[in-house]
Amino acid sequence: MSLQKSSNIKHLLTFQKVARSGNVSMAASELFLSQSATSIQLANLEAAVGTKLISRNGRGVRLTDAGQKLLVLSDRMLALWQEISDEMESYLGDFSGTLRIGAVTTAEYWLPHVLVKFVNAHPNVKLKLQVANKEEIVRSLAADEIDLAVMGNPPEEIQVMAQSFANNPTAFIASPQHPLMQHAQVSMAMLANAQMLVREKGSGARASLEKIFKAEGLKLQIGSELSSNESIKQMCIAGLAPAYLSLHSCALEIRAGLLAVLPLENNPLNRRWFVVHTQNKSLSRVATVFMADLIDNGATEIDRQLENMSQMPVESLVGWRIPSLASVLS
């Protein structure tokens, strides 16, 4: 039996839902179908393919090898179908579609505000946001699971078009009570022996940190490896060790005196934010408009957010020295 003649998009969507949830009844509920109707669609798809795609496993299901392969292809097919639908809707007069965007975890401190402002200005636009470490975002970009990505340094492993749009100051920071903060000047050699708090391999911050130490001819001594900026901040505040973070992720803590920028030469460092897409990608109208808006207005919006942070009251933190955020970022 021919798959092309006997199956359709609905069959693929049903299969995708079952594969993702691992449960036929759960997928049926999400699709607003009966469990029997869902099972029939799966059976018809398997008959068209000519081989089993799922096998029952207790109350759930697991994919066969053929099912695993079909899931990868179905994801691509359904994403393309959504893009086609969005693009055709854009010709109806209203600006609409789905913005598929990925961002490294550090960007989640400012990007949601930018996205909300964009969606409020274009209420018919839907949003699909993926936040992960750089390695995962690059993988999604290469697999065409997202249209745009926001990150620090553009990836080198795939060909992309990259546009810088805003400053991304990063710094070596520590608790004001950490022994390194008692020195008038800290050297990279001192940091090399400090058992630093670092992100996991695959993150942009980790890669940048390793490059910095390598350029100095020093070996990075890792004290603790954590998978989130929030965990690193809390460990750093507690005085465990210094860390290397984007100041966008810890501006409030610095202003409140919970963290401080280490007295190290050229600290903070000047880095940049980039918006990227694959070189051969034909961007949707929504992605094109958002990227242009981010390039034109992203820096202003980020600066506005930092200014708002600098005016937040911190009177409850009596006794803390509260430095000016502007002086930290200058």
C-alpha atoms as a PDB file:
ATOM      1  CA  MET A   1       0.000   0.000   0.000  1.00  0.00           C
ATOM      2  CA  SER A   2       1.328   3.480  -0.863  1.00  0.00           C
ATOM      3  CA  LEU A   3       1.972   5.811   2.072  1.00  0.00           C
ATOM      4  CA  GLN A   4       1.511   8.835  -0.174  1.00  0.00           C
ATOM      5  CA  LYS A   5      -1.945   7.713  -1.354  1.00  0.00           C
ATOM      6  CA  SER A   6      -3.364   6.316   1.859  1.00  0.00           C
ATOM      7  CA  SER A   7      -2.078   8.664   4.597  1.00  0.00           C
ATOM      8  CA  ASN A   8      -2.302  12.385   5.287  1.00  0.00           C
ATOM      9  CA  ILE A   9      -1.112  15.140   7.611  1.00  0.00           C
ATOM     10  CA  LYS A  10      -3.664  14.169  10.276  1.00  0.00           C
ATOM     11  CA  HIS A  11      -2.210  10.651  10.465  1.00  0.00           C
ATOM     12  CA  LEU A  12       1.287  12.074  10.964  1.00  0.00           C
ATOM     13  CA  LEU A  13       0.047  14.506  13.617  1.00  0.00           C
ATOM     14  CA  THR A  14      -1.667  11.667  15.492  1.00  0.00           C
ATOM     15  CA  PHE A  15       1.473   9.559  15.321  1.00  0.00           C
ATOM     16  CA  GLN A  16       3.596  12.480  16.541  1.00  0.00           C
ATOM     17  CA  LYS A  17       1.307  13.121  19.519  1.00  0.00           C
ATOM     18  CA  VAL A  18       1.323   9.442  20.519  1.00  0.00           C
ATOM     19  CA  ALA A  19       5.109   9.231  20.113  1.00  0.00           C
ATOM     20  CA  ARG A  20       5.718  12.370  22.172  1.00  0.00           C
ATOM     21  CA  SER A  21       3.311  11.498  24.982  1.00  0.00           C
ATOM     22  CA  GLY A  22       4.054   7.770  24.987  1.00  0.00           C
ATOM     23  CA  ASN A  23       0.378   7.138  25.629  1.00  0.00           C
ATOM     24  CA  VAL A  24      -2.529   6.676  23.190  1.00  0.00           C
ATOM     25  CA  SER A  25      -5.272   7.954  25.508  1.00  0.00           C
ATOM     26  CA  MET A  26      -3.268  11.063  26.428  1.00  0.00           C
ATOM     27  CA  ALA A  27      -2.625  11.813  22.742  1.00  0.00           C
ATOM     28  CA  ALA A  28      -6.316  11.256  21.962  1.00  0.00           C
ATOM     29  CA  SER A  29      -7.261  13.815  24.621  1.00  0.00           C
ATOM     30  CA  GLU A  30      -4.849  16.389  23.176  1.00  0.00           C
ATOM     31  CA  LEU A  31      -6.254  15.782  19.678  1.00  0.00           C
ATOM     32  CA  PHE A  32      -9.895  15.856  20.871  1.00  0.00           C
ATOM     33  CA  LEU A  33     -10.396  12.356  19.451  1.00  0.00           C
ATOM     34  CA  SER A  34     -11.681   9.156  20.999  1.00  0.00           C
ATOM     35  CA  GLN A  35      -9.086   6.563  21.925  1.00  0.00           C
ATOM     36  CA  SER A  36     -10.505   4.167  19.335  1.00  0.00           C
ATOM     37  CA  ALA A  37     -10.315   6.790  16.575  1.00  0.00           C
ATOM     38  CA  THR A  38      -6.695   7.486  17.499  1.00  0.00           C
ATOM     39  CA  SER A  39      -5.844   3.797  17.438  1.00  0.00           C
ATOM     40  CA  ILE A  40      -7.514   3.400  14.037  1.00  0.00           C
ATOM     41  CA  GLN A  41      -5.451   6.262  12.588  1.00  0.00           C
ATOM     42  CA  LEU A  42      -2.273   4.659  13.921  1.00  0.00           C
ATOM     43  CA  ALA A  43      -3.261   1.290  12.497  1.00  0.00           C
ATOM     44  CA  ASN A  44      -3.980   2.864   9.091  1.00  0.00           C
ATOM     45  CA  LEU A  45      -0.599   4.602   9.117  1.00  0.00           C
ATOM     46  CA  GLU A  46       1.193   1.363  10.001  1.00  0.00           C
ATOM     47  CA  ALA A  47      -0.683  -0.439   7.217  1.00  0.00           C
ATOM     48  CA  ALA A  48       0.361   2.240   4.740  1.00  0.00           C
ATOM     49  CA  VAL A  49       4.006   2.108   5.886  1.00  0.00           C
ATOM     50  CA  GLY A  50       3.979  -1.667   5.896  1.00  0.00           C
ATOM     51  CA  THR A  51       5.675  -2.141   9.252  1.00  0.00           C
ATOM     52  CA  LYS A  52       5.046  -1.629  12.972  1.00  0.00           C
ATOM     53  CA  LEU A  53       5.719   1.888  14.253  1.00  0.00           C
ATOM     54  CA  ILE A  54       4.864   1.445  17.931  1.00  0.00           C
ATOM     55  CA  SER A  55       4.669  -1.433  20.355  1.00  0.00           C
ATOM     56  CA  ARG A  56       2.531  -1.572  23.473  1.00  0.00           C
ATOM     57  CA  ASN A  57       4.436  -1.441  26.738  1.00  0.00           C
ATOM     58  CA  GLY A  58       2.161  -1.782  29.749  1.00  0.00           C
ATOM     59  CA  ARG A  59      -0.058   1.297  29.742  1.00  0.00           C
ATOM     60  CA  GLY A  60       2.151   3.155  27.307  1.00  0.00           C
ATOM     61  CA  VAL A  61       3.858   2.680  23.978  1.00  0.00           C
ATOM     62  CA  ARG A  62       7.411   2.728  22.693  1.00  0.00           C
ATOM     63  CA  LEU A  63       8.651   3.395  19.191  1.00  0.00           C
ATOM     64  CA  THR A  64      10.148   0.758  16.946  1.00  0.00           C
ATOM     65  CA  ASP A  65      13.214   1.599  14.865  1.00  0.00           C
ATOM     66  CA  ALA A  66      10.907   2.508  11.977  1.00  0.00           C
ATOM     67  CA  GLY A  67       8.837   4.622  14.360  1.00  0.00           C
ATOM     68  CA  GLN A  68      11.914   6.521  15.567  1.00  0.00           C
ATOM     69  CA  LYS A  69      12.852   7.328  11.977  1.00  0.00           C
ATOM     70  CA  LEU A  70       9.302   8.352  11.065  1.00  0.00           C
ATOM     71  CA  LEU A  71       9.121  10.650  14.118  1.00  0.00           C
ATOM     72  CA  VAL A  72      12.193  12.583  12.965  1.00  0.00           C
ATOM     73  CA  LEU A  73      10.759  12.939   9.460  1.00  0.00           C
ATOM     74  CA  SER A  74       7.279  13.770  10.777  1.00  0.00           C
ATOM     75  CA  ASP A  75       8.663  16.574  12.946  1.00  0.00           C
ATOM     76  CA  ARG A  76      10.283  18.103   9.889  1.00  0.00           C
ATOM     77  CA  MET A  77       7.182  17.618   7.754  1.00  0.00           C
ATOM     78  CA  LEU A  78       4.769  19.083  10.303  1.00  0.00           C
ATOM     79  CA  ALA A  79       7.069  22.050  10.994  1.00  0.00           C
ATOM     80  CA  LEU A  80       7.179  22.762   7.254  1.00  0.00           C
ATOM     81  CA  TRP A  81       3.395  22.382   7.023  1.00  0.00           C
ATOM     82  CA  GLN A  82       2.980  24.905   9.852  1.00  0.00           C
ATOM     83  CA  GLU A  83       5.331  27.279   8.050  1.00  0.00           C
ATOM     84  CA  ILE A  84       3.330  26.904   4.837  1.00  0.00           C
ATOM     85  CA  SER A  85       0.110  27.592   6.732  1.00  0.00           C
ATOM     86  CA  ASP A  86       1.578  30.662   8.429  1.00  0.00           C
ATOM     87  CA  GLU A  87       2.947  32.078   5.195  1.00  0.00           C
ATOM     88  CA  MET A  88      -0.348  31.644   3.370  1.00  0.00           C
ATOM     89  CA  GLU A  89      -2.215  33.314   6.238  1.00  0.00           C
ATOM     90  CA  SER A  90       0.084  36.333   5.884  1.00  0.00           C
ATOM     91  CA  TYR A  91      -1.497  37.003   2.476  1.00  0.00           C
ATOM     92  CA  LEU A  92      -4.934  37.406   4.046  1.00  0.00           C
ATOM     93  CA  GLY A  93      -4.047  40.915   5.139  1.00  0.00           C
ATOM     94  CA  ASP A  94      -3.321  40.414   8.854  1.00  0.00           C
ATOM     95  CA  PHE A  95       0.262  40.025  10.014  1.00  0.00           C
ATOM     96  CA  SER A  96       0.255  36.512  11.427  1.00  0.00           C
ATOM     97  CA  GLY A  97       2.284  33.330  11.722  1.00  0.00           C
ATOM     98  CA  THR A  98       4.472  31.502  14.230  1.00  0.00           C
ATOM     99  CA  LEU A  99       7.784  32.897  15.429  1.00  0.00           C
ATOM    100  CA  ARG A 100      10.036  29.884  16.099  1.00  0.00           C
ATOM    101  CA  ILE A 101      12.968  31.154  18.104  1.00  0.00           C
ATOM    102  CA  GLY A 102      15.642  29.613  20.290  1.00  0.00           C
ATOM    103  CA  ALA A 103      17.826  31.305  22.872  1.00  0.00           C
ATOM    104  CA  VAL A 104      20.697  30.420  25.180  1.00  0.00           C
ATOM    105  CA  THR A 105      19.728  30.389  28.839  1.00  0.00           C
ATOM    106  CA  THR A 106      21.350  33.725  29.687  1.00  0.00           C
ATOM    107  CA  ALA A 107      19.024  35.486  27.226  1.00  0.00           C
ATOM    108  CA  GLU A 108      15.958  34.436  29.228  1.00  0.00           C
ATOM    109  CA  TYR A 109      16.658  37.346  31.586  1.00  0.00           C
ATOM    110  CA  TRP A 110      15.727  39.914  28.922  1.00  0.00           C
ATOM    111  CA  LEU A 111      14.359  38.185  25.795  1.00  0.00           C
ATOM    112  CA  PRO A 112      10.839  37.447  27.183  1.00  0.00           C
ATOM    113  CA  HIS A 113      10.229  41.179  27.581  1.00  0.00           C
ATOM    114  CA  VAL A 114      11.234  41.781  23.965  1.00  0.00           C
ATOM    115  CA  LEU A 115       9.045  38.914  22.748  1.00  0.00           C
ATOM    116  CA  VAL A 116       6.006  40.057  24.742  1.00  0.00           C
ATOM    117  CA  LYS A 117       6.355  43.562  23.324  1.00  0.00           C
ATOM    118  CA  PHE A 118       6.547  42.128  19.784  1.00  0.00           C
ATOM    119  CA  VAL A 119       3.536  39.825  20.244  1.00  0.00           C
ATOM    120  CA  ASN A 120       1.487  42.620  21.823  1.00  0.00           C
ATOM    121  CA  ALA A 121       2.226  44.750  18.761  1.00  0.00           C
ATOM    122  CA  HIS A 122       1.260  41.834  16.488  1.00  0.00           C
ATOM    123  CA  PRO A 123      -1.535  39.950  18.304  1.00  0.00           C
ATOM    124  CA  ASN A 124      -2.022  37.379  15.526  1.00  0.00           C
ATOM    125  CA  VAL A 125       1.546  36.136  15.865  1.00  0.00           C
ATOM    126  CA  LYS A 126       2.074  32.884  17.776  1.00  0.00           C
ATOM    127  CA  LEU A 127       5.266  32.189  19.662  1.00  0.00           C
ATOM    128  CA  LYS A 128       7.349  29.046  19.973  1.00  0.00           C
ATOM    129  CA  LEU A 129      10.353  29.641  22.236  1.00  0.00           C
ATOM    130  CA  GLN A 130      13.096  27.147  23.086  1.00  0.00           C
ATOM    131  CA  VAL A 131      15.580  28.012  25.848  1.00  0.00           C
ATOM    132  CA  ALA A 132      18.596  25.713  26.229  1.00  0.00           C
ATOM    133  CA  ASN A 133      22.378  25.738  26.254  1.00  0.00           C
ATOM    134  CA  LYS A 134      24.204  26.793  23.107  1.00  0.00           C
ATOM    135  CA  GLU A 135      24.921  23.259  21.892  1.00  0.00           C
ATOM    136  CA  GLU A 136      21.227  22.334  21.951  1.00  0.00           C
ATOM    137  CA  ILE A 137      20.161  25.594  20.291  1.00  0.00           C
ATOM    138  CA  VAL A 138      22.682  25.099  17.474  1.00  0.00           C
ATOM    139  CA  ARG A 139      21.406  21.541  17.021  1.00  0.00           C
ATOM    140  CA  SER A 140      17.810  22.800  16.742  1.00  0.00           C
ATOM    141  CA  LEU A 141      18.893  25.489  14.297  1.00  0.00           C
ATOM    142  CA  ALA A 142      20.634  22.933  12.092  1.00  0.00           C
ATOM    143  CA  ALA A 143      17.579  20.630  12.224  1.00  0.00           C
ATOM    144  CA  ASP A 144      15.296  23.512  11.164  1.00  0.00           C
ATOM    145  CA  GLU A 145      13.304  23.199  14.394  1.00  0.00           C
ATOM    146  CA  ILE A 146      13.706  26.948  14.942  1.00  0.00           C
ATOM    147  CA  ASP A 147      14.089  29.848  12.506  1.00  0.00           C
ATOM    148  CA  LEU A 148      16.167  32.243  14.603  1.00  0.00           C
ATOM    149  CA  ALA A 149      18.527  31.869  17.532  1.00  0.00           C
ATOM    150  CA  VAL A 150      19.799  34.413  20.058  1.00  0.00           C
ATOM    151  CA  MET A 151      23.237  33.704  21.512  1.00  0.00           C
ATOM    152  CA  GLY A 152      26.677  35.070  22.273  1.00  0.00           C
ATOM    153  CA  ASN A 153      29.342  34.075  19.770  1.00  0.00           C
ATOM    154  CA  PRO A 154      27.866  32.637  16.530  1.00  0.00           C
ATOM    155  CA  PRO A 155      28.426  28.886  16.042  1.00  0.00           C
ATOM    156  CA  GLU A 156      31.381  27.676  14.007  1.00  0.00           C
ATOM    157  CA  GLU A 157      30.131  24.139  13.352  1.00  0.00           C
ATOM    158  CA  ILE A 158      27.354  25.197  10.938  1.00  0.00           C
ATOM    159  CA  GLN A 159      27.133  27.966   8.344  1.00  0.00           C
ATOM    160  CA  VAL A 160      25.003  30.836   9.604  1.00  0.00           C
ATOM    161  CA  MET A 161      24.160  34.447   8.959  1.00  0.00           C
ATOM    162  CA  ALA A 162      24.797  36.378  12.179  1.00  0.00           C
ATOM    163  CA  GLN A 163      23.992  39.951  13.139  1.00  0.00           C
ATOM    164  CA  SER A 164      25.233  41.638  16.303  1.00  0.00           C
ATOM    165  CA  PHE A 165      22.620  43.856  17.968  1.00  0.00           C
ATOM    166  CA  ALA A 166      23.476  44.594  21.626  1.00  0.00           C
ATOM    167  CA  ASN A 167      26.190  44.512  24.274  1.00  0.00           C
ATOM    168  CA  ASN A 168      26.459  41.429  26.462  1.00  0.00           C
ATOM    169  CA  PRO A 169      28.842  42.407  29.278  1.00  0.00           C
ATOM    170  CA  THR A 170      30.185  39.406  31.166  1.00  0.00           C
ATOM    171  CA  ALA A 171      32.221  39.408  34.339  1.00  0.00           C
ATOM    172  CA  PHE A 172      34.057  37.372  36.915  1.00  0.00           C
ATOM    173  CA  ILE A 173      31.973  37.781  40.061  1.00  0.00           C
ATOM    174  CA  ALA A 174      32.022  36.595  43.654  1.00  0.00           C
ATOM    175  CA  SER A 175      30.362  37.129  46.991  1.00  0.00           C
ATOM    176  CA  PRO A 176      31.629  40.313  48.718  1.00  0.00           C
ATOM    177  CA  GLN A 177      32.757  37.999  51.549  1.00  0.00           C
ATOM    178  CA  HIS A 178      34.828  35.730  49.302  1.00  0.00           C
ATOM    179  CA  PRO A 179      38.594  35.839  50.077  1.00  0.00           C
ATOM    180  CA  LEU A 180      39.412  37.073  46.561  1.00  0.00           C
ATOM    181  CA  MET A 181      37.352  40.209  47.219  1.00  0.00           C
ATOM    182  CA  GLN A 182      39.774  41.183  49.978  1.00  0.00           C
ATOM    183  CA  HIS A 183      42.510  41.855  47.409  1.00  0.00           C
ATOM    184  CA  ALA A 184      42.892  45.264  45.801  1.00  0.00           C
ATOM    185  CA  GLN A 185      43.740  43.534  42.519  1.00  0.00           C
ATOM    186  CA  VAL A 186      43.048  39.974  41.405  1.00  0.00           C
ATOM    187  CA  SER A 187      45.057  38.218  38.684  1.00  0.00           C
ATOM    188  CA  MET A 188      44.021  35.471  36.291  1.00  0.00           C
ATOM    189  CA  ALA A 189      46.566  33.216  37.987  1.00  0.00           C
ATOM    190  CA  MET A 190      44.705  33.690  41.275  1.00  0.00           C
ATOM    191  CA  LEU A 191      41.427  32.853  39.557  1.00  0.00           C
ATOM    192  CA  ALA A 192      42.994  29.739  38.066  1.00  0.00           C
ATOM    193  CA  ASN A 193      43.368  28.352  41.586  1.00  0.00           C
ATOM    194  CA  ALA A 194      39.938  29.426  42.792  1.00  0.00           C
ATOM    195  CA  GLN A 195      37.915  26.268  41.923  1.00  0.00           C
ATOM    196  CA  MET A 196      35.354  28.209  39.892  1.00  0.00           C
ATOM    197  CA  LEU A 197      31.638  27.581  39.498  1.00  0.00           C
ATOM    198  CA  VAL A 198      31.004  26.785  35.830  1.00  0.00           C
ATOM    199  CA  ARG A 199      28.185  25.854  33.463  1.00  0.00           C
ATOM    200  CA  GLU A 200      27.966  22.423  31.854  1.00  0.00           C
ATOM    201  CA  LYS A 201      29.839  21.532  28.678  1.00  0.00           C
ATOM    202  CA  GLY A 202      27.879  22.700  25.654  1.00  0.00           C
ATOM    203  CA  SER A 203      27.014  26.100  27.119  1.00  0.00           C
ATOM    204  CA  GLY A 204      28.328  29.275  25.498  1.00  0.00           C
ATOM    205  CA  ALA A 205      29.531  30.675  28.834  1.00  0.00           C
ATOM    206  CA  ARG A 206      31.601  27.544  29.509  1.00  0.00           C
ATOM    207  CA  ALA A 207      33.198  27.703  26.051  1.00  0.00           C
ATOM    208  CA  SER A 208      34.037  31.403  26.480  1.00  0.00           C
ATOM    209  CA  LEU A 209      35.510  30.806  29.923  1.00  0.00           C
ATOM    210  CA  GLU A 210      37.735  28.004  28.640  1.00  0.00           C
ATOM    211  CA  LYS A 211      38.969  30.232  25.807  1.00  0.00           C
ATOM    212  CA  ILE A 212      39.835  33.023  28.250  1.00  0.00           C
ATOM    213  CA  PHE A 213      41.983  30.739  30.404  1.00  0.00           C
ATOM    214  CA  LYS A 214      43.581  29.096  27.379  1.00  0.00           C
ATOM    215  CA  ALA A 215      44.551  32.516  25.978  1.00  0.00           C
ATOM    216  CA  GLU A 216      46.266  33.257  29.307  1.00  0.00           C
ATOM    217  CA  GLY A 217      48.120  29.924  29.215  1.00  0.00           C
ATOM    218  CA  LEU A 218      46.320  28.802  32.360  1.00  0.00           C
ATOM    219  CA  LYS A 219      44.318  25.707  33.256  1.00  0.00           C
ATOM    220  CA  LEU A 220      40.739  26.263  34.361  1.00  0.00           C
ATOM    221  CA  GLN A 221      40.192  24.664  37.781  1.00  0.00           C
ATOM    222  CA  ILE A 222      36.554  23.574  38.055  1.00  0.00           C
ATOM    223  CA  GLY A 223      35.100  23.490  41.542  1.00  0.00           C
ATOM    224  CA  SER A 224      31.458  22.752  40.714  1.00  0.00           C
ATOM    225  CA  GLU A 225      29.652  22.227  37.409  1.00  0.00           C
ATOM    226  CA  LEU A 226      26.013  23.368  37.329  1.00  0.00           C
ATOM    227  CA  SER A 227      23.368  23.380  34.611  1.00  0.00           C
ATOM    228  CA  SER A 228      21.742  26.751  35.297  1.00  0.00           C
ATOM    229  CA  ASN A 229      22.765  30.350  35.876  1.00  0.00           C
ATOM    230  CA  GLU A 230      20.437  30.524  38.884  1.00  0.00           C
ATOM    231  CA  SER A 231      22.227  27.660  40.634  1.00  0.00           C
ATOM    232  CA  ILE A 232      25.584  29.298  39.950  1.00  0.00           C
ATOM    233  CA  LYS A 233      24.336  32.627  41.319  1.00  0.00           C
ATOM    234  CA  GLN A 234      23.039  31.084  44.550  1.00  0.00           C
ATOM    235  CA  MET A 235      26.263  29.132  45.115  1.00  0.00           C
ATOM    236  CA  CYS A 236      28.246  32.268  44.390  1.00  0.00           C
ATOM    237  CA  ILE A 237      26.138  34.366  46.783  1.00  0.00           C
ATOM    238  CA  ALA A 238      26.694  31.728  49.461  1.00  0.00           C
ATOM    239  CA  GLY A 239      30.437  32.310  49.060  1.00  0.00           C
ATOM    240  CA  LEU A 240      31.448  28.924  47.646  1.00  0.00           C
ATOM    241  CA  ALA A 241      33.514  30.188  44.701  1.00  0.00           C
ATOM    242  CA  PRO A 242      33.728  32.863  41.998  1.00  0.00           C
ATOM    243  CA  ALA A 243      31.883  32.519  38.687  1.00  0.00           C
ATOM    244  CA  TYR A 244      31.797  33.938  35.176  1.00  0.00           C
ATOM    245  CA  LEU A 245      28.342  35.227  34.195  1.00  0.00           C
ATOM    246  CA  SER A 246      26.599  37.664  31.906  1.00  0.00           C
ATOM    247  CA  LEU A 247      25.764  40.757  33.933  1.00  0.00           C
ATOM    248  CA  HIS A 248      22.248  40.616  32.498  1.00  0.00           C
ATOM    249  CA  SER A 249      21.697  37.525  34.655  1.00  0.00           C
ATOM    250  CA  CYS A 250      22.922  39.019  37.931  1.00  0.00           C
ATOM    251  CA  ALA A 251      22.437  42.793  37.696  1.00  0.00           C
ATOM    252  CA  LEU A 252      19.967  42.912  40.593  1.00  0.00           C
ATOM    253  CA  GLU A 253      22.181  40.801  42.847  1.00  0.00           C
ATOM    254  CA  ILE A 254      25.148  43.071  42.142  1.00  0.00           C
ATOM    255  CA  ARG A 255      23.127  46.189  42.847  1.00  0.00           C
ATOM    256  CA  ALA A 256      21.830  44.679  46.075  1.00  0.00           C
ATOM    257  CA  GLY A 257      25.369  43.899  47.214  1.00  0.00           C
ATOM    258  CA  LEU A 258      24.841  40.135  47.190  1.00  0.00           C
ATOM    259  CA  LEU A 259      27.450  39.757  44.452  1.00  0.00           C
ATOM    260  CA  ALA A 260      30.344  41.923  43.330  1.00  0.00           C
ATOM    261  CA  VAL A 261      32.532  42.231  40.257  1.00  0.00           C
ATOM    262  CA  LEU A 262      36.035  40.993  41.056  1.00  0.00           C
ATOM    263  CA  PRO A 263      38.823  43.625  40.914  1.00  0.00           C
ATOM    264  CA  LEU A 264      40.374  42.063  37.840  1.00  0.00           C
ATOM    265  CA  GLU A 265      41.881  43.950  34.907  1.00  0.00           C
ATOM    266  CA  ASN A 266      39.441  44.347  31.976  1.00  0.00           C
ATOM    267  CA  ASN A 267      36.576  43.033  34.094  1.00  0.00           C
ATOM    268  CA  PRO A 268      33.710  43.171  32.973  1.00  0.00           C
ATOM    269  CA  LEU A 269      34.518  41.974  29.464  1.00  0.00           C
ATOM    270  CA  ASN A 270      32.706  43.338  26.446  1.00  0.00           C
ATOM    271  CA  ARG A 271      30.847  40.684  24.501  1.00  0.00           C
ATOM    272  CA  ARG A 272      27.935  40.977  22.080  1.00  0.00           C
ATOM    273  CA  TRP A 273      24.531  39.415  21.521  1.00  0.00           C
ATOM    274  CA  PHE A 274      23.864  37.941  18.081  1.00  0.00           C
ATOM    275  CA  VAL A 275      20.723  36.857  16.256  1.00  0.00           C
ATOM    276  CA  VAL A 276      21.505  34.069  13.799  1.00  0.00           C
ATOM    277  CA  HIS A 277      19.865  31.810  11.246  1.00  0.00           C
ATOM    278  CA  THR A 278      21.222  29.134   8.935  1.00  0.00           C
ATOM    279  CA  GLN A 279      22.807  30.492   5.786  1.00  0.00           C
ATOM    280  CA  ASN A 280      20.426  28.781   3.361  1.00  0.00           C
ATOM    281  CA  LYS A 281      17.298  29.490   5.428  1.00  0.00           C
ATOM    282  CA  SER A 282      14.424  31.290   3.723  1.00  0.00           C
ATOM    283  CA  LEU A 283      12.942  33.172   6.671  1.00  0.00           C
ATOM    284  CA  SER A 284       9.207  33.526   7.152  1.00  0.00           C
ATOM    285  CA  ARG A 285       7.709  36.999   7.127  1.00  0.00           C
ATOM    286  CA  VAL A 286       7.259  36.898  10.909  1.00  0.00           C
ATOM    287  CA  ALA A 287      10.881  35.871  11.518  1.00  0.00           C
ATOM    288  CA  THR A 288      12.151  38.534   9.114  1.00  0.00           C
ATOM    289  CA  VAL A 289      10.174  41.311  10.822  1.00  0.00           C
ATOM    290  CA  PHE A 290      11.182  40.195  14.312  1.00  0.00           C
ATOM    291  CA  MET A 291      14.866  39.965  13.396  1.00  0.00           C
ATOM    292  CA  ALA A 292      14.781  43.481  11.921  1.00  0.00           C
ATOM    293  CA  ASP A 293      13.044  44.778  15.041  1.00  0.00           C
ATOM    294  CA  LEU A 294      15.597  43.071  17.311  1.00  0.00           C
ATOM    295  CA  ILE A 295      18.521  44.541  15.348  1.00  0.00           C
ATOM    296  CA  ASP A 296      17.002  48.032  15.349  1.00  0.00           C
ATOM    297  CA  ASN A 297      15.562  48.163  18.863  1.00  0.00           C
ATOM    298  CA  GLY A 298      17.033  45.269  20.863  1.00  0.00           C
ATOM    299  CA  ALA A 299      19.854  47.244  22.454  1.00  0.00           C
ATOM    300  CA  THR A 300      17.494  50.042  23.512  1.00  0.00           C
ATOM    301  CA  GLU A 301      15.042  47.584  25.050  1.00  0.00           C
ATOM    302  CA  ILE A 302      17.777  45.749  26.986  1.00  0.00           C
ATOM    303  CA  ASP A 303      19.170  49.062  28.260  1.00  0.00           C
ATOM    304  CA  ARG A 304      15.656  50.070  29.350  1.00  0.00           C
ATOM    305  CA  GLN A 305      15.273  46.866  31.327  1.00  0.00           C
ATOM    306  CA  LEU A 306      18.626  47.402  33.051  1.00  0.00           C
ATOM    307  CA  GLU A 307      17.615  50.978  33.876  1.00  0.00           C
ATOM    308  CA  ASN A 308      14.392  49.709  35.442  1.00  0.00           C
ATOM    309  CA  MET A 309      16.425  47.269  37.554  1.00  0.00           C
ATOM    310  CA  SER A 310      18.672  50.084  38.727  1.00  0.00           C
ATOM    311  CA  GLN A 311      15.628  51.913  40.123  1.00  0.00           C
ATOM    312  CA  MET A 312      14.135  48.993  42.019  1.00  0.00           C
ATOM    313  CA  PRO A 313      14.005  49.614  45.823  1.00  0.00           C
ATOM    314  CA  VAL A 314      16.395  47.577  47.930  1.00  0.00           C
ATOM    315  CA  GLU A 315      15.852  49.274  51.315  1.00  0.00           C
ATOM    316  CA  SER A 316      15.207  45.903  52.944  1.00  0.00           C
ATOM    317  CA  LEU A 317      18.850  44.951  52.478  1.00  0.00           C
ATOM    318  CA  VAL A 318      20.072  47.156  55.308  1.00  0.00           C
ATOM    319  CA  GLY A 319      23.809  47.187  55.775  1.00  0.00           C
ATOM    320  CA  TRP A 320      24.701  46.065  52.264  1.00  0.00           C
ATOM    321  CA  ARG A 321      26.837  48.304  50.124  1.00  0.00           C
ATOM    322  CA  ILE A 322      24.734  49.014  47.016  1.00  0.00           C
ATOM    323  CA  PRO A 323      26.871  49.989  44.017  1.00  0.00           C
ATOM    324  CA  SER A 324      25.446  51.871  41.057  1.00  0.00           C
ATOM    325  CA  LEU A 325      24.433  49.525  38.252  1.00  0.00           C
ATOM    326  CA  ALA A 326      25.610  52.115  35.733  1.00  0.00           C
ATOM    327  CA  SER A 327      29.096  52.070  37.271  1.00  0.00           C
ATOM    328  CA  VAL A 328      29.188  48.269  37.110  1.00  0.00           C
ATOM    329  CA  LEU A 329      28.219  48.178  33.433  1.00  0.00           C
ATOM    330  CA  SER A 330      30.263  51.159  32.286  1.00  0.00           C
END
